[in-house]
Amino acid sequence: GKKLGLIGGSGTIGTAVVDVALPLGMDVLISSRSGKLPSGHKYENHPRVKVVPLDELLSACDFVSINCPLNDDTRHSIGSREIRLMKPTAFLINTARGAIINESELVECMKENIIAGAGLDTQEVEPPHPESEIWKLRNVFLTPHIGWRRLETRQRLVDMTTDNIESYVNGSIQNVINQNA
């Protein structure tokens, strides 16, 4: 019966998170810049997956997971205003990029217990300065950006690189970023 909110959750990582959340009985809200899932998306018509505006997602969800890339539009896009929209029992999770969250504003909100907790695999400065207040917060859980440490993850990257090179050599280019270049 819990709700999971995904900020930027329509990509590969967000979809994998939904793959885990649904069997756990969670409903999923996704905030997407386009306001909808891509046509043909695996969860496009799923009854427990819905695309909503960011403010609605923040106020409705028990867990909010950040899965978007860091760019000029997303830098510090989660700050005091957004955190204060969340339920006091909610948790904010960032496994994307640290600078998506305005860390100084997060620290102030966490000192005030605005939300129940935050799990950060990435921080604005990695590692945080030894004197950073973020180390002292009992409701903030830090991990050392460990997503790449697993052997399976690194092997998948090597396999993808190998597949891309083989495809190129065989004349069937894949994962093209700029077809006109």
C-alpha atoms as a PDB file:
ATOM      1  CA  GLY A   1       0.000   0.000   0.000  1.00  0.00           C
ATOM      2  CA  LYS A   2       2.975   2.384  -0.105  1.00  0.00           C
ATOM      3  CA  LYS A   3       3.600   4.816  -2.949  1.00  0.00           C
ATOM      4  CA  LEU A   4       6.931   5.175  -4.682  1.00  0.00           C
ATOM      5  CA  GLY A   5       7.682   8.351  -6.618  1.00  0.00           C
ATOM      6  CA  LEU A   6      10.273   8.356  -9.366  1.00  0.00           C
ATOM      7  CA  ILE A   7      11.732  11.651 -10.499  1.00  0.00           C
ATOM      8  CA  GLY A   8      12.848  10.970 -14.051  1.00  0.00           C
ATOM      9  CA  GLY A   9      11.633   7.416 -13.808  1.00  0.00           C
ATOM     10  CA  SER A  10      10.766   6.579 -17.405  1.00  0.00           C
ATOM     11  CA  GLY A  11      14.277   5.548 -18.463  1.00  0.00           C
ATOM     12  CA  THR A  12      16.110   2.250 -18.068  1.00  0.00           C
ATOM     13  CA  ILE A  13      16.964   2.680 -14.388  1.00  0.00           C
ATOM     14  CA  GLY A  14      13.532   4.007 -13.436  1.00  0.00           C
ATOM     15  CA  THR A  15      11.869   1.131 -15.280  1.00  0.00           C
ATOM     16  CA  ALA A  16      14.048  -1.356 -13.393  1.00  0.00           C
ATOM     17  CA  VAL A  17      12.979   0.281 -10.115  1.00  0.00           C
ATOM     18  CA  VAL A  18       9.311  -0.103 -11.140  1.00  0.00           C
ATOM     19  CA  ASP A  19      10.034  -3.775 -11.926  1.00  0.00           C
ATOM     20  CA  VAL A  20      10.940  -4.210  -8.240  1.00  0.00           C
ATOM     21  CA  ALA A  21       8.296  -1.899  -6.723  1.00  0.00           C
ATOM     22  CA  LEU A  22       5.191  -3.435  -8.312  1.00  0.00           C
ATOM     23  CA  PRO A  23       5.716  -6.983  -6.974  1.00  0.00           C
ATOM     24  CA  LEU A  24       6.219  -5.414  -3.538  1.00  0.00           C
ATOM     25  CA  GLY A  25       2.674  -4.051  -3.787  1.00  0.00           C
ATOM     26  CA  MET A  26       3.661  -0.440  -4.332  1.00  0.00           C
ATOM     27  CA  ASP A  27       1.843   2.034  -6.537  1.00  0.00           C
ATOM     28  CA  VAL A  28       4.234   4.116  -8.626  1.00  0.00           C
ATOM     29  CA  LEU A  29       4.038   7.780  -9.551  1.00  0.00           C
ATOM     30  CA  ILE A  30       6.478   9.105 -12.136  1.00  0.00           C
ATOM     31  CA  SER A  31       7.423  12.695 -12.820  1.00  0.00           C
ATOM     32  CA  SER A  32       8.616  13.177 -16.367  1.00  0.00           C
ATOM     33  CA  ARG A  33       9.521  16.348 -18.283  1.00  0.00           C
ATOM     34  CA  SER A  34       7.250  15.241 -21.125  1.00  0.00           C
ATOM     35  CA  GLY A  35       4.322  14.600 -18.773  1.00  0.00           C
ATOM     36  CA  LYS A  36       3.841  11.075 -20.109  1.00  0.00           C
ATOM     37  CA  LEU A  37       5.654   7.816 -20.581  1.00  0.00           C
ATOM     38  CA  PRO A  38       7.265   7.253 -23.961  1.00  0.00           C
ATOM     39  CA  SER A  39       4.989   5.549 -26.493  1.00  0.00           C
ATOM     40  CA  GLY A  40       5.309   1.792 -26.130  1.00  0.00           C
ATOM     41  CA  HIS A  41       6.864   2.041 -22.648  1.00  0.00           C
ATOM     42  CA  LYS A  42       6.543  -1.187 -20.680  1.00  0.00           C
ATOM     43  CA  TYR A  43       4.297   0.496 -18.083  1.00  0.00           C
ATOM     44  CA  GLU A  44       2.456   2.930 -20.377  1.00  0.00           C
ATOM     45  CA  ASN A  45      -1.013   1.547 -19.540  1.00  0.00           C
ATOM     46  CA  HIS A  46      -0.338  -0.151 -16.216  1.00  0.00           C
ATOM     47  CA  PRO A  47      -3.112   0.568 -13.681  1.00  0.00           C
ATOM     48  CA  ARG A  48      -0.654   1.098 -10.792  1.00  0.00           C
ATOM     49  CA  VAL A  49       1.792   3.344 -12.661  1.00  0.00           C
ATOM     50  CA  LYS A  50       0.850   6.953 -13.302  1.00  0.00           C
ATOM     51  CA  VAL A  51       2.664  10.052 -14.571  1.00  0.00           C
ATOM     52  CA  VAL A  52       1.942  13.132 -12.446  1.00  0.00           C
ATOM     53  CA  PRO A  53       3.370  16.629 -11.923  1.00  0.00           C
ATOM     54  CA  LEU A  54       6.368  16.775  -9.573  1.00  0.00           C
ATOM     55  CA  ASP A  55       4.537  18.588  -6.754  1.00  0.00           C
ATOM     56  CA  GLU A  56       1.785  15.947  -6.727  1.00  0.00           C
ATOM     57  CA  LEU A  57       4.368  13.160  -6.648  1.00  0.00           C
ATOM     58  CA  LEU A  58       6.231  14.759  -3.751  1.00  0.00           C
ATOM     59  CA  SER A  59       3.123  15.253  -1.627  1.00  0.00           C
ATOM     60  CA  ALA A  60       1.647  11.784  -2.274  1.00  0.00           C
ATOM     61  CA  CYS A  61       4.607   9.402  -2.017  1.00  0.00           C
ATOM     62  CA  ASP A  62       6.117   7.509   0.904  1.00  0.00           C
ATOM     63  CA  PHE A  63       9.433   7.097  -0.906  1.00  0.00           C
ATOM     64  CA  VAL A  64      10.820   9.439  -3.572  1.00  0.00           C
ATOM     65  CA  SER A  65      13.682   8.152  -5.719  1.00  0.00           C
ATOM     66  CA  ILE A  66      15.709  10.479  -7.922  1.00  0.00           C
ATOM     67  CA  ASN A  67      16.625   8.815 -11.238  1.00  0.00           C
ATOM     68  CA  CYS A  68      17.134  11.749 -13.612  1.00  0.00           C
ATOM     69  CA  PRO A  69      20.370  12.954 -15.208  1.00  0.00           C
ATOM     70  CA  LEU A  70      22.190  16.027 -13.917  1.00  0.00           C
ATOM     71  CA  ASN A  71      21.919  18.991 -16.277  1.00  0.00           C
ATOM     72  CA  ASP A  72      21.150  22.710 -16.090  1.00  0.00           C
ATOM     73  CA  ASP A  73      17.434  21.979 -15.610  1.00  0.00           C
ATOM     74  CA  THR A  74      17.891  19.430 -12.819  1.00  0.00           C
ATOM     75  CA  ARG A  75      20.765  20.997 -10.840  1.00  0.00           C
ATOM     76  CA  HIS A  76      19.384  21.862  -7.365  1.00  0.00           C
ATOM     77  CA  SER A  77      15.884  21.021  -8.584  1.00  0.00           C
ATOM     78  CA  ILE A  78      15.166  19.391  -5.216  1.00  0.00           C
ATOM     79  CA  GLY A  79      15.502  21.884  -2.387  1.00  0.00           C
ATOM     80  CA  SER A  80      13.677  23.126   0.649  1.00  0.00           C
ATOM     81  CA  ARG A  81      10.438  23.923  -1.212  1.00  0.00           C
ATOM     82  CA  GLU A  82      10.224  20.427  -2.704  1.00  0.00           C
ATOM     83  CA  ILE A  83      11.210  18.633   0.510  1.00  0.00           C
ATOM     84  CA  ARG A  84       8.591  20.580   2.477  1.00  0.00           C
ATOM     85  CA  LEU A  85       5.925  19.238   0.094  1.00  0.00           C
ATOM     86  CA  MET A  86       6.759  15.677   1.140  1.00  0.00           C
ATOM     87  CA  LYS A  87       4.993  13.713   3.874  1.00  0.00           C
ATOM     88  CA  PRO A  88       6.708  13.912   7.265  1.00  0.00           C
ATOM     89  CA  THR A  89       7.002  10.096   7.111  1.00  0.00           C
ATOM     90  CA  ALA A  90       8.595  10.076   3.644  1.00  0.00           C
ATOM     91  CA  PHE A  91      12.113   9.130   2.600  1.00  0.00           C
ATOM     92  CA  LEU A  92      14.106  10.811  -0.184  1.00  0.00           C
ATOM     93  CA  ILE A  93      16.530   8.561  -2.086  1.00  0.00           C
ATOM     94  CA  ASN A  94      19.201   9.816  -4.467  1.00  0.00           C
ATOM     95  CA  THR A  95      21.204   7.326  -6.519  1.00  0.00           C
ATOM     96  CA  ALA A  96      21.483   9.653  -9.519  1.00  0.00           C
ATOM     97  CA  ARG A  97      23.738  12.711  -9.103  1.00  0.00           C
ATOM     98  CA  GLY A  98      24.398  14.607  -5.888  1.00  0.00           C
ATOM     99  CA  ALA A  99      23.906  18.116  -7.258  1.00  0.00           C
ATOM    100  CA  ILE A 100      20.279  17.390  -8.182  1.00  0.00           C
ATOM    101  CA  ILE A 101      19.573  18.029  -4.490  1.00  0.00           C
ATOM    102  CA  ASN A 102      20.491  21.380  -2.979  1.00  0.00           C
ATOM    103  CA  GLU A 103      22.479  19.782  -0.189  1.00  0.00           C
ATOM    104  CA  SER A 104      22.585  22.780   2.157  1.00  0.00           C
ATOM    105  CA  GLU A 105      18.791  23.070   1.971  1.00  0.00           C
ATOM    106  CA  LEU A 106      18.453  19.297   2.519  1.00  0.00           C
ATOM    107  CA  VAL A 107      20.626  19.547   5.633  1.00  0.00           C
ATOM    108  CA  GLU A 108      18.423  22.306   7.062  1.00  0.00           C
ATOM    109  CA  CYS A 109      15.236  20.332   6.340  1.00  0.00           C
ATOM    110  CA  MET A 110      16.679  17.197   7.894  1.00  0.00           C
ATOM    111  CA  LYS A 111      17.746  19.107  11.033  1.00  0.00           C
ATOM    112  CA  GLU A 112      14.109  20.249  11.308  1.00  0.00           C
ATOM    113  CA  ASN A 113      12.865  16.655  10.711  1.00  0.00           C
ATOM    114  CA  ILE A 114      10.707  17.822   7.785  1.00  0.00           C
ATOM    115  CA  ILE A 115      10.828  14.254   6.385  1.00  0.00           C
ATOM    116  CA  ALA A 116      11.679  10.943   8.039  1.00  0.00           C
ATOM    117  CA  GLY A 117      14.951  10.386   6.241  1.00  0.00           C
ATOM    118  CA  ALA A 118      17.178  10.584   3.201  1.00  0.00           C
ATOM    119  CA  GLY A 119      19.337   7.908   1.603  1.00  0.00           C
ATOM    120  CA  LEU A 120      22.135   9.369  -0.490  1.00  0.00           C
ATOM    121  CA  ASP A 121      24.405   7.268  -2.669  1.00  0.00           C
ATOM    122  CA  THR A 122      25.643  10.490  -4.239  1.00  0.00           C
ATOM    123  CA  GLN A 123      26.435  13.819  -2.665  1.00  0.00           C
ATOM    124  CA  GLU A 124      27.038  17.267  -4.079  1.00  0.00           C
ATOM    125  CA  VAL A 125      30.734  16.947  -3.171  1.00  0.00           C
ATOM    126  CA  GLU A 126      32.075  13.398  -2.972  1.00  0.00           C
ATOM    127  CA  PRO A 127      33.092  12.602  -0.408  1.00  0.00           C
ATOM    128  CA  PRO A 128      31.500  15.313   1.710  1.00  0.00           C
ATOM    129  CA  HIS A 129      33.951  17.518   3.615  1.00  0.00           C
ATOM    130  CA  PRO A 130      34.878  15.880   6.954  1.00  0.00           C
ATOM    131  CA  GLU A 131      33.279  18.823   8.796  1.00  0.00           C
ATOM    132  CA  SER A 132      30.055  18.715   6.756  1.00  0.00           C
ATOM    133  CA  GLU A 133      26.906  18.697   8.872  1.00  0.00           C
ATOM    134  CA  ILE A 134      25.536  15.903   6.687  1.00  0.00           C
ATOM    135  CA  TRP A 135      27.738  13.395   8.580  1.00  0.00           C
ATOM    136  CA  LYS A 136      26.067  14.323  11.879  1.00  0.00           C
ATOM    137  CA  LEU A 137      22.452  13.848  10.801  1.00  0.00           C
ATOM    138  CA  ARG A 138      20.860  10.721  12.288  1.00  0.00           C
ATOM    139  CA  ASN A 139      18.125  10.703   9.620  1.00  0.00           C
ATOM    140  CA  VAL A 140      20.481  10.791   6.616  1.00  0.00           C
ATOM    141  CA  PHE A 141      22.082   7.564   5.400  1.00  0.00           C
ATOM    142  CA  LEU A 142      25.174   7.922   3.208  1.00  0.00           C
ATOM    143  CA  THR A 143      26.756   5.347   0.947  1.00  0.00           C
ATOM    144  CA  PRO A 144      29.976   5.979  -0.997  1.00  0.00           C
ATOM    145  CA  HIS A 145      28.485   6.007  -4.529  1.00  0.00           C
ATOM    146  CA  ILE A 146      28.838   2.249  -4.729  1.00  0.00           C
ATOM    147  CA  GLY A 147      26.609   1.461  -7.696  1.00  0.00           C
ATOM    148  CA  TRP A 148      29.649   0.847  -9.902  1.00  0.00           C
ATOM    149  CA  ARG A 149      31.466  -1.368  -7.411  1.00  0.00           C
ATOM    150  CA  ARG A 150      29.551  -4.539  -8.181  1.00  0.00           C
ATOM    151  CA  LEU A 151      31.293  -6.885 -10.567  1.00  0.00           C
ATOM    152  CA  GLU A 152      28.016  -7.479 -12.462  1.00  0.00           C
ATOM    153  CA  THR A 153      27.673  -3.760 -13.201  1.00  0.00           C
ATOM    154  CA  ARG A 154      31.187  -3.418 -14.511  1.00  0.00           C
ATOM    155  CA  GLN A 155      30.834  -6.618 -16.555  1.00  0.00           C
ATOM    156  CA  ARG A 156      27.623  -5.278 -18.125  1.00  0.00           C
ATOM    157  CA  LEU A 157      29.505  -2.092 -19.147  1.00  0.00           C
ATOM    158  CA  VAL A 158      32.289  -4.166 -20.744  1.00  0.00           C
ATOM    159  CA  ASP A 159      29.695  -6.337 -22.536  1.00  0.00           C
ATOM    160  CA  MET A 160      27.851  -3.267 -23.856  1.00  0.00           C
ATOM    161  CA  THR A 161      31.104  -1.750 -25.114  1.00  0.00           C
ATOM    162  CA  THR A 162      32.027  -5.012 -26.834  1.00  0.00           C
ATOM    163  CA  ASP A 163      28.554  -5.255 -28.432  1.00  0.00           C
ATOM    164  CA  ASN A 164      28.815  -1.659 -29.687  1.00  0.00           C
ATOM    165  CA  ILE A 165      32.232  -2.272 -31.272  1.00  0.00           C
ATOM    166  CA  GLU A 166      31.095  -5.551 -32.895  1.00  0.00           C
ATOM    167  CA  SER A 167      27.969  -3.855 -34.262  1.00  0.00           C
ATOM    168  CA  TYR A 168      30.034  -1.014 -35.704  1.00  0.00           C
ATOM    169  CA  VAL A 169      32.500  -3.412 -37.357  1.00  0.00           C
ATOM    170  CA  ASN A 170      29.558  -5.368 -38.827  1.00  0.00           C
ATOM    171  CA  GLY A 171      27.971  -2.185 -40.192  1.00  0.00           C
ATOM    172  CA  SER A 172      24.972  -2.190 -37.861  1.00  0.00           C
ATOM    173  CA  ILE A 173      25.515   0.773 -35.566  1.00  0.00           C
ATOM    174  CA  GLN A 174      23.596   0.753 -32.265  1.00  0.00           C
ATOM    175  CA  ASN A 175      23.211   3.238 -29.413  1.00  0.00           C
ATOM    176  CA  VAL A 176      23.653   6.193 -31.751  1.00  0.00           C
ATOM    177  CA  ILE A 177      23.591   9.594 -30.062  1.00  0.00           C
ATOM    178  CA  ASN A 178      23.887  11.812 -33.123  1.00  0.00           C
ATOM    179  CA  GLN A 179      23.069  10.054 -36.383  1.00  0.00           C
ATOM    180  CA  ASN A 180      24.134  13.120 -38.432  1.00  0.00           C
ATOM    181  CA  ALA A 181      27.616  13.413 -36.921  1.00  0.00           C
END
